[in-house]
PDB file of all heavy atoms in Angstrom:
ATOM      1  N   ILE A   1     -11.707  30.323  -0.395  1.00  0.00           N
ATOM      2  CA  ILE A   1     -11.928  29.152   0.447  1.00  0.00           C
ATOM      3  C   ILE A   1     -10.726  28.225   0.316  1.00  0.00           C
ATOM      4  O   ILE A   1     -10.087  28.181  -0.742  1.00  0.00           O
ATOM      5  CB  ILE A   1     -13.222  28.404   0.048  1.00  0.00           C
ATOM      6  CG1 ILE A   1     -13.527  27.270   1.048  1.00  0.00           C
ATOM      7  CG2 ILE A   1     -13.131  27.855  -1.372  1.00  0.00           C
ATOM      8  CD1 ILE A   1     -14.881  26.610   0.831  1.00  0.00           C
ATOM      9  N   GLN A   2     -10.411  27.527   1.396  1.00  0.00           N
ATOM     10  CA  GLN A   2      -9.382  26.489   1.352  1.00  0.00           C
ATOM     11  C   GLN A   2     -10.081  25.134   1.427  1.00  0.00           C
ATOM     12  O   GLN A   2     -10.763  24.832   2.404  1.00  0.00           O
ATOM     13  CB  GLN A   2      -8.402  26.630   2.512  1.00  0.00           C
ATOM     14  CG  GLN A   2      -7.334  25.527   2.525  1.00  0.00           C
ATOM     15  CD  GLN A   2      -6.231  25.802   3.519  1.00  0.00           C
ATOM     16  OE1 GLN A   2      -5.642  26.894   3.522  1.00  0.00           O
ATOM     17  NE2 GLN A   2      -5.922  24.834   4.367  1.00  0.00           N
ATOM     18  N   VAL A   3      -9.898  24.336   0.392  1.00  0.00           N
ATOM     19  CA  VAL A   3     -10.478  22.989   0.363  1.00  0.00           C
ATOM     20  C   VAL A   3      -9.373  21.999   0.719  1.00  0.00           C
ATOM     21  O   VAL A   3      -8.391  21.863  -0.010  1.00  0.00           O
ATOM     22  CB  VAL A   3     -11.086  22.664  -1.014  1.00  0.00           C
ATOM     23  CG1 VAL A   3     -11.623  21.231  -1.028  1.00  0.00           C
ATOM     24  CG2 VAL A   3     -12.204  23.653  -1.358  1.00  0.00           C
ATOM     25  N   ASN A   4      -9.534  21.351   1.856  1.00  0.00           N
ATOM     26  CA  ASN A   4      -8.573  20.353   2.312  1.00  0.00           C
ATOM     27  C   ASN A   4      -9.036  18.984   1.838  1.00  0.00           C
ATOM     28  O   ASN A   4     -10.136  18.540   2.174  1.00  0.00           O
ATOM     29  CB  ASN A   4      -8.489  20.358   3.841  1.00  0.00           C
ATOM     30  CG  ASN A   4      -8.203  21.742   4.394  1.00  0.00           C
ATOM     31  OD1 ASN A   4      -7.264  22.407   3.976  1.00  0.00           O
ATOM     32  ND2 ASN A   4      -9.023  22.182   5.332  1.00  0.00           N
ATOM     33  N   VAL A   5      -8.207  18.330   1.053  1.00  0.00           N
ATOM     34  CA  VAL A   5      -8.536  17.013   0.528  1.00  0.00           C
ATOM     35  C   VAL A   5      -7.806  15.972   1.367  1.00  0.00           C
ATOM     36  O   VAL A   5      -6.576  15.864   1.308  1.00  0.00           O
ATOM     37  CB  VAL A   5      -8.130  16.893  -0.962  1.00  0.00           C
ATOM     38  CG1 VAL A   5      -8.511  15.524  -1.505  1.00  0.00           C
ATOM     39  CG2 VAL A   5      -8.785  18.004  -1.790  1.00  0.00           C
ATOM     40  N   ALA A   6      -8.554  15.224   2.177  1.00  0.00           N
ATOM     41  CA  ALA A   6      -7.964  14.196   3.031  1.00  0.00           C
ATOM     42  C   ALA A   6      -7.756  12.934   2.199  1.00  0.00           C
ATOM     43  O   ALA A   6      -8.702  12.252   1.834  1.00  0.00           O
ATOM     44  CB  ALA A   6      -8.866  13.921   4.223  1.00  0.00           C
ATOM     45  N   LEU A   7      -6.499  12.669   1.882  1.00  0.00           N
ATOM     46  CA  LEU A   7      -6.147  11.622   0.920  1.00  0.00           C
ATOM     47  C   LEU A   7      -5.113  10.691   1.548  1.00  0.00           C
ATOM     48  O   LEU A   7      -4.075  11.140   2.017  1.00  0.00           O
ATOM     49  CB  LEU A   7      -5.590  12.285  -0.343  1.00  0.00           C
ATOM     50  CG  LEU A   7      -5.482  11.457  -1.612  1.00  0.00           C
ATOM     51  CD1 LEU A   7      -6.845  10.960  -2.072  1.00  0.00           C
ATOM     52  CD2 LEU A   7      -4.839  12.290  -2.724  1.00  0.00           C
ATOM     53  N   ASN A   8      -5.403   9.396   1.541  1.00  0.00           N
ATOM     54  CA  ASN A   8      -4.626   8.433   2.321  1.00  0.00           C
ATOM     55  C   ASN A   8      -4.482   8.951   3.743  1.00  0.00           C
ATOM     56  O   ASN A   8      -3.390   9.018   4.310  1.00  0.00           O
ATOM     57  CB  ASN A   8      -3.258   8.159   1.704  1.00  0.00           C
ATOM     58  CG  ASN A   8      -2.613   6.906   2.294  1.00  0.00           C
ATOM     59  OD1 ASN A   8      -3.299   5.987   2.718  1.00  0.00           O
ATOM     60  ND2 ASN A   8      -1.300   6.879   2.324  1.00  0.00           N
ATOM     61  N   TYR A   9      -5.625   9.307   4.308  1.00  0.00           N
ATOM     62  CA  TYR A   9      -5.677   9.951   5.623  1.00  0.00           C
ATOM     63  C   TYR A   9      -6.244   8.984   6.663  1.00  0.00           C
ATOM     64  O   TYR A   9      -7.239   8.306   6.419  1.00  0.00           O
ATOM     65  CB  TYR A   9      -6.560  11.197   5.567  1.00  0.00           C
ATOM     66  CG  TYR A   9      -6.780  11.840   6.922  1.00  0.00           C
ATOM     67  CD1 TYR A   9      -5.913  12.830   7.382  1.00  0.00           C
ATOM     68  CD2 TYR A   9      -7.826  11.433   7.748  1.00  0.00           C
ATOM     69  CE1 TYR A   9      -6.094  13.402   8.634  1.00  0.00           C
ATOM     70  CE2 TYR A   9      -8.010  12.005   8.993  1.00  0.00           C
ATOM     71  CZ  TYR A   9      -7.145  12.978   9.436  1.00  0.00           C
ATOM     72  OH  TYR A   9      -7.309  13.537  10.678  1.00  0.00           O
ATOM     73  N   GLY A  10      -5.606   8.945   7.817  1.00  0.00           N
ATOM     74  CA  GLY A  10      -6.112   8.218   8.975  1.00  0.00           C
ATOM     75  C   GLY A  10      -5.756   9.008  10.220  1.00  0.00           C
ATOM     76  O   GLY A  10      -4.600   9.385  10.421  1.00  0.00           O
ATOM     77  N   SER A  11      -6.737   9.274  11.054  1.00  0.00           N
ATOM     78  CA  SER A  11      -6.524  10.163  12.197  1.00  0.00           C
ATOM     79  C   SER A  11      -5.582   9.570  13.241  1.00  0.00           C
ATOM     80  O   SER A  11      -4.757  10.275  13.821  1.00  0.00           O
ATOM     81  CB  SER A  11      -7.864  10.500  12.843  1.00  0.00           C
ATOM     82  OG  SER A  11      -7.698  11.451  13.864  1.00  0.00           O
ATOM     83  N   LYS A  12      -5.689   8.272  13.480  1.00  0.00           N
ATOM     84  CA  LYS A  12      -4.820   7.662  14.495  1.00  0.00           C
ATOM     85  C   LYS A  12      -3.355   7.797  14.110  1.00  0.00           C
ATOM     86  O   LYS A  12      -2.513   8.175  14.932  1.00  0.00           O
ATOM     87  CB  LYS A  12      -5.194   6.189  14.694  1.00  0.00           C
ATOM     88  CG  LYS A  12      -6.520   5.983  15.409  1.00  0.00           C
ATOM     89  CD  LYS A  12      -6.818   4.506  15.604  1.00  0.00           C
ATOM     90  CE  LYS A  12      -8.137   4.289  16.337  1.00  0.00           C
ATOM     91  NZ  LYS A  12      -8.431   2.847  16.538  1.00  0.00           N
ATOM     92  N   SER A  13      -3.033   7.506  12.844  1.00  0.00           N
ATOM     93  CA  SER A  13      -1.635   7.631  12.397  1.00  0.00           C
ATOM     94  C   SER A  13      -1.202   9.094  12.375  1.00  0.00           C
ATOM     95  O   SER A  13      -0.029   9.412  12.615  1.00  0.00           O
ATOM     96  CB  SER A  13      -1.446   6.994  11.016  1.00  0.00           C
ATOM     97  OG  SER A  13      -2.248   7.625  10.047  1.00  0.00           O
ATOM     98  N   GLU A  14      -2.147  10.006  12.105  1.00  0.00           N
ATOM     99  CA  GLU A  14      -1.838  11.440  12.136  1.00  0.00           C
ATOM    100  C   GLU A  14      -1.404  11.867  13.538  1.00  0.00           C
ATOM    101  O   GLU A  14      -0.422  12.599  13.706  1.00  0.00           O
ATOM    102  CB  GLU A  14      -3.065  12.248  11.706  1.00  0.00           C
ATOM    103  CG  GLU A  14      -2.872  13.756  11.805  1.00  0.00           C
ATOM    104  CD  GLU A  14      -4.148  14.539  11.554  1.00  0.00           C
ATOM    105  OE1 GLU A  14      -5.245  14.021  11.852  1.00  0.00           O
ATOM    106  OE2 GLU A  14      -4.054  15.676  11.071  1.00  0.00           O
ATOM    107  N   ILE A  15      -2.123  11.405  14.553  1.00  0.00           N
ATOM    108  CA  ILE A  15      -1.797  11.762  15.941  1.00  0.00           C
ATOM    109  C   ILE A  15      -0.461  11.159  16.352  1.00  0.00           C
ATOM    110  O   ILE A  15       0.380  11.824  16.973  1.00  0.00           O
ATOM    111  CB  ILE A  15      -2.930  11.318  16.887  1.00  0.00           C
ATOM    112  CG1 ILE A  15      -4.217  12.115  16.590  1.00  0.00           C
ATOM    113  CG2 ILE A  15      -2.526  11.519  18.351  1.00  0.00           C
ATOM    114  CD1 ILE A  15      -5.472  11.548  17.220  1.00  0.00           C
ATOM    115  N   ILE A  16      -0.238   9.894  15.991  1.00  0.00           N
ATOM    116  CA  ILE A  16       1.053   9.235  16.294  1.00  0.00           C
ATOM    117  C   ILE A  16       2.194   9.990  15.620  1.00  0.00           C
ATOM    118  O   ILE A  16       3.245  10.247  16.225  1.00  0.00           O
ATOM    119  CB  ILE A  16       1.031   7.762  15.836  1.00  0.00           C
ATOM    120  CG1 ILE A  16       0.076   6.954  16.716  1.00  0.00           C
ATOM    121  CG2 ILE A  16       2.433   7.158  15.869  1.00  0.00           C
ATOM    122  CD1 ILE A  16      -0.242   5.575  16.182  1.00  0.00           C
ATOM    123  N   ASN A  17       1.991  10.368  14.358  1.00  0.00           N
ATOM    124  CA  ASN A  17       3.010  11.117  13.616  1.00  0.00           C
ATOM    125  C   ASN A  17       3.313  12.458  14.290  1.00  0.00           C
ATOM    126  O   ASN A  17       4.474  12.878  14.363  1.00  0.00           O
ATOM    127  CB  ASN A  17       2.528  11.351  12.183  1.00  0.00           C
ATOM    128  CG  ASN A  17       3.537  12.099  11.343  1.00  0.00           C
ATOM    129  OD1 ASN A  17       4.624  11.612  11.090  1.00  0.00           O
ATOM    130  ND2 ASN A  17       3.182  13.304  10.910  1.00  0.00           N
ATOM    131  N   SER A  18       2.268  13.116  14.801  1.00  0.00           N
ATOM    132  CA  SER A  18       2.449  14.393  15.490  1.00  0.00           C
ATOM    133  C   SER A  18       3.324  14.224  16.726  1.00  0.00           C
ATOM    134  O   SER A  18       4.248  15.016  16.967  1.00  0.00           O
ATOM    135  CB  SER A  18       1.086  14.969  15.890  1.00  0.00           C
ATOM    136  OG  SER A  18       1.238  16.155  16.639  1.00  0.00           O
ATOM    137  N   VAL A  19       3.063  13.178  17.504  1.00  0.00           N
ATOM    138  CA  VAL A  19       3.856  12.927  18.713  1.00  0.00           C
ATOM    139  C   VAL A  19       5.313  12.611  18.351  1.00  0.00           C
ATOM    140  O   VAL A  19       6.253  13.074  19.012  1.00  0.00           O
ATOM    141  CB  VAL A  19       3.233  11.778  19.537  1.00  0.00           C
ATOM    142  CG1 VAL A  19       4.131  11.407  20.719  1.00  0.00           C
ATOM    143  CG2 VAL A  19       1.848  12.175  20.040  1.00  0.00           C
ATOM    144  N   LYS A  20       5.512  11.844  17.283  1.00  0.00           N
ATOM    145  CA  LYS A  20       6.876  11.537  16.830  1.00  0.00           C
ATOM    146  C   LYS A  20       7.629  12.809  16.441  1.00  0.00           C
ATOM    147  O   LYS A  20       8.820  12.966  16.752  1.00  0.00           O
ATOM    148  CB  LYS A  20       6.834  10.573  15.645  1.00  0.00           C
ATOM    149  CG  LYS A  20       6.504   9.137  16.022  1.00  0.00           C
ATOM    150  CD  LYS A  20       6.482   8.250  14.787  1.00  0.00           C
ATOM    151  CE  LYS A  20       6.214   6.794  15.143  1.00  0.00           C
ATOM    152  NZ  LYS A  20       6.133   5.937  13.932  1.00  0.00           N
ATOM    153  N   LEU A  21       6.944  13.724  15.748  1.00  0.00           N
ATOM    154  CA  LEU A  21       7.573  14.993  15.355  1.00  0.00           C
ATOM    155  C   LEU A  21       7.942  15.822  16.577  1.00  0.00           C
ATOM    156  O   LEU A  21       9.012  16.446  16.623  1.00  0.00           O
ATOM    157  CB  LEU A  21       6.629  15.795  14.453  1.00  0.00           C
ATOM    158  CG  LEU A  21       6.445  15.270  13.030  1.00  0.00           C
ATOM    159  CD1 LEU A  21       5.333  16.039  12.327  1.00  0.00           C
ATOM    160  CD2 LEU A  21       7.736  15.396  12.234  1.00  0.00           C
ATOM    161  N   ILE A  22       7.057  15.818  17.574  1.00  0.00           N
ATOM    162  CA  ILE A  22       7.321  16.561  18.820  1.00  0.00           C
ATOM    163  C   ILE A  22       8.563  16.012  19.519  1.00  0.00           C
ATOM    164  O   ILE A  22       9.434  16.767  19.981  1.00  0.00           O
ATOM    165  CB  ILE A  22       6.089  16.490  19.747  1.00  0.00           C
ATOM    166  CG1 ILE A  22       4.946  17.336  19.169  1.00  0.00           C
ATOM    167  CG2 ILE A  22       6.427  16.978  21.155  1.00  0.00           C
ATOM    168  CD1 ILE A  22       3.616  17.116  19.845  1.00  0.00           C
ATOM    169  N   LYS A  23       8.652  14.686  19.576  1.00  0.00           N
ATOM    170  CA  LYS A  23       9.821  14.060  20.222  1.00  0.00           C
ATOM    171  C   LYS A  23      11.105  14.353  19.450  1.00  0.00           C
ATOM    172  O   LYS A  23      12.156  14.612  20.035  1.00  0.00           O
ATOM    173  CB  LYS A  23       9.592  12.548  20.341  1.00  0.00           C
ATOM    174  CG  LYS A  23       8.514  12.168  21.337  1.00  0.00           C
ATOM    175  CD  LYS A  23       8.383  10.678  21.489  1.00  0.00           C
ATOM    176  CE  LYS A  23       9.516  10.102  22.306  1.00  0.00           C
ATOM    177  NZ  LYS A  23       9.336   8.657  22.573  1.00  0.00           N
ATOM    178  N   LYS A  24      10.983  14.342  18.121  1.00  0.00           N
ATOM    179  CA  LYS A  24      12.151  14.638  17.274  1.00  0.00           C
ATOM    180  C   LYS A  24      12.627  16.081  17.485  1.00  0.00           C
ATOM    181  O   LYS A  24      13.831  16.357  17.487  1.00  0.00           O
ATOM    182  CB  LYS A  24      11.774  14.416  15.810  1.00  0.00           C
ATOM    183  CG  LYS A  24      12.940  14.497  14.845  1.00  0.00           C
ATOM    184  CD  LYS A  24      12.495  14.166  13.424  1.00  0.00           C
ATOM    185  CE  LYS A  24      13.652  14.251  12.447  1.00  0.00           C
ATOM    186  NZ  LYS A  24      13.216  13.967  11.054  1.00  0.00           N
ATOM    187  N   LYS A  25      11.655  16.989  17.662  1.00  0.00           N
ATOM    188  CA  LYS A  25      11.988  18.400  17.889  1.00  0.00           C
ATOM    189  C   LYS A  25      12.417  18.667  19.330  1.00  0.00           C
ATOM    190  O   LYS A  25      12.835  19.776  19.656  1.00  0.00           O
ATOM    191  CB  LYS A  25      10.779  19.275  17.546  1.00  0.00           C
ATOM    192  CG  LYS A  25      10.398  19.263  16.072  1.00  0.00           C
ATOM    193  CD  LYS A  25       9.095  20.024  15.843  1.00  0.00           C
ATOM    194  CE  LYS A  25       8.671  19.970  14.382  1.00  0.00           C
ATOM    195  NZ  LYS A  25       7.366  20.655  14.149  1.00  0.00           N
ATOM    196  N   LYS A  26      12.239  17.644  20.190  1.00  0.00           N
ATOM    197  CA  LYS A  26      12.600  17.753  21.614  1.00  0.00           C
ATOM    198  C   LYS A  26      11.874  18.905  22.302  1.00  0.00           C
ATOM    199  O   LYS A  26      12.470  19.719  23.014  1.00  0.00           O
ATOM    200  CB  LYS A  26      14.122  17.894  21.773  1.00  0.00           C
ATOM    201  CG  LYS A  26      14.885  16.684  21.274  1.00  0.00           C
ATOM    202  CD  LYS A  26      16.387  16.839  21.458  1.00  0.00           C
ATOM    203  CE  LYS A  26      17.120  15.592  20.953  1.00  0.00           C
ATOM    204  NZ  LYS A  26      18.587  15.695  21.083  1.00  0.00           N
ATOM    205  N   ILE A  27      10.563  18.956  22.037  1.00  0.00           N
ATOM    206  CA  ILE A  27       9.716  19.948  22.700  1.00  0.00           C
ATOM    207  C   ILE A  27       8.677  19.214  23.556  1.00  0.00           C
ATOM    208  O   ILE A  27       8.515  18.003  23.449  1.00  0.00           O
ATOM    209  CB  ILE A  27       9.024  20.894  21.688  1.00  0.00           C
ATOM    210  CG1 ILE A  27       8.208  20.105  20.657  1.00  0.00           C
ATOM    211  CG2 ILE A  27      10.054  21.770  20.990  1.00  0.00           C
ATOM    212  CD1 ILE A  27       7.452  20.979  19.666  1.00  0.00           C
ATOM    213  N   THR A  28       7.985  19.963  24.380  1.00  0.00           N
ATOM    214  CA  THR A  28       7.034  19.371  25.323  1.00  0.00           C
ATOM    215  C   THR A  28       5.835  18.766  24.597  1.00  0.00           C
ATOM    216  O   THR A  28       5.287  19.375  23.673  1.00  0.00           O
ATOM    217  CB  THR A  28       6.532  20.445  26.314  1.00  0.00           C
ATOM    218  OG1 THR A  28       7.647  21.059  26.930  1.00  0.00           O
ATOM    219  CG2 THR A  28       5.632  19.836  27.375  1.00  0.00           C
ATOM    220  N   ILE A  29       5.440  17.573  25.042  1.00  0.00           N
ATOM    221  CA  ILE A  29       4.222  16.974  24.496  1.00  0.00           C
ATOM    222  C   ILE A  29       3.032  17.564  25.242  1.00  0.00           C
ATOM    223  O   ILE A  29       2.799  17.263  26.419  1.00  0.00           O
ATOM    224  CB  ILE A  29       4.239  15.431  24.655  1.00  0.00           C
ATOM    225  CG1 ILE A  29       5.393  14.814  23.866  1.00  0.00           C
ATOM    226  CG2 ILE A  29       2.911  14.835  24.187  1.00  0.00           C
ATOM    227  CD1 ILE A  29       5.555  13.321  24.060  1.00  0.00           C
ATOM    228  N   ASN A  30       2.326  18.451  24.580  1.00  0.00           N
ATOM    229  CA  ASN A  30       1.111  19.032  25.155  1.00  0.00           C
ATOM    230  C   ASN A  30       0.101  19.275  24.033  1.00  0.00           C
ATOM    231  O   ASN A  30       0.385  19.041  22.856  1.00  0.00           O
ATOM    232  CB  ASN A  30       1.410  20.326  25.933  1.00  0.00           C
ATOM    233  CG  ASN A  30       2.096  21.383  25.079  1.00  0.00           C
ATOM    234  OD1 ASN A  30       1.889  21.454  23.869  1.00  0.00           O
ATOM    235  ND2 ASN A  30       2.925  22.214  25.699  1.00  0.00           N
ATOM    236  N   GLU A  31      -1.075  19.744  24.402  1.00  0.00           N
ATOM    237  CA  GLU A  31      -2.157  19.914  23.430  1.00  0.00           C
ATOM    238  C   GLU A  31      -1.782  20.867  22.308  1.00  0.00           C
ATOM    239  O   GLU A  31      -2.029  20.592  21.125  1.00  0.00           O
ATOM    240  CB  GLU A  31      -3.417  20.415  24.151  1.00  0.00           C
ATOM    241  CG  GLU A  31      -4.664  20.394  23.291  1.00  0.00           C
ATOM    242  CD  GLU A  31      -5.932  20.722  24.062  1.00  0.00           C
ATOM    243  OE1 GLU A  31      -6.055  20.258  25.207  1.00  0.00           O
ATOM    244  OE2 GLU A  31      -6.786  21.438  23.514  1.00  0.00           O
ATOM    245  N   ALA A  32      -1.183  21.987  22.667  1.00  0.00           N
ATOM    246  CA  ALA A  32      -0.827  22.999  21.667  1.00  0.00           C
ATOM    247  C   ALA A  32       0.177  22.447  20.657  1.00  0.00           C
ATOM    248  O   ALA A  32       0.051  22.672  19.443  1.00  0.00           O
ATOM    249  CB  ALA A  32      -0.258  24.245  22.350  1.00  0.00           C
ATOM    250  N   ASN A  33       1.181  21.704  21.140  1.00  0.00           N
ATOM    251  CA  ASN A  33       2.199  21.180  20.239  1.00  0.00           C
ATOM    252  C   ASN A  33       1.682  20.031  19.379  1.00  0.00           C
ATOM    253  O   ASN A  33       2.124  19.859  18.244  1.00  0.00           O
ATOM    254  CB  ASN A  33       3.439  20.761  21.042  1.00  0.00           C
ATOM    255  CG  ASN A  33       4.265  21.953  21.502  1.00  0.00           C
ATOM    256  OD1 ASN A  33       4.224  23.013  20.873  1.00  0.00           O
ATOM    257  ND2 ASN A  33       4.991  21.794  22.590  1.00  0.00           N
ATOM    258  N   ILE A  34       0.763  19.239  19.923  1.00  0.00           N
ATOM    259  CA  ILE A  34       0.130  18.212  19.087  1.00  0.00           C
ATOM    260  C   ILE A  34      -0.647  18.877  17.958  1.00  0.00           C
ATOM    261  O   ILE A  34      -0.553  18.485  16.794  1.00  0.00           O
ATOM    262  CB  ILE A  34      -0.775  17.285  19.933  1.00  0.00           C
ATOM    263  CG1 ILE A  34       0.082  16.396  20.842  1.00  0.00           C
ATOM    264  CG2 ILE A  34      -1.655  16.412  19.020  1.00  0.00           C
ATOM    265  CD1 ILE A  34      -0.699  15.540  21.807  1.00  0.00           C
TER     266      ILE A  34
END
């Protein structure tokens, strides 16, 4: 089993961080890449 420990976790900042990474990688912002 994989136990994921959500620590100092916030979903809104996670989503924002994902979009920032996508822009940094210069790839398309879509559901799969998020």
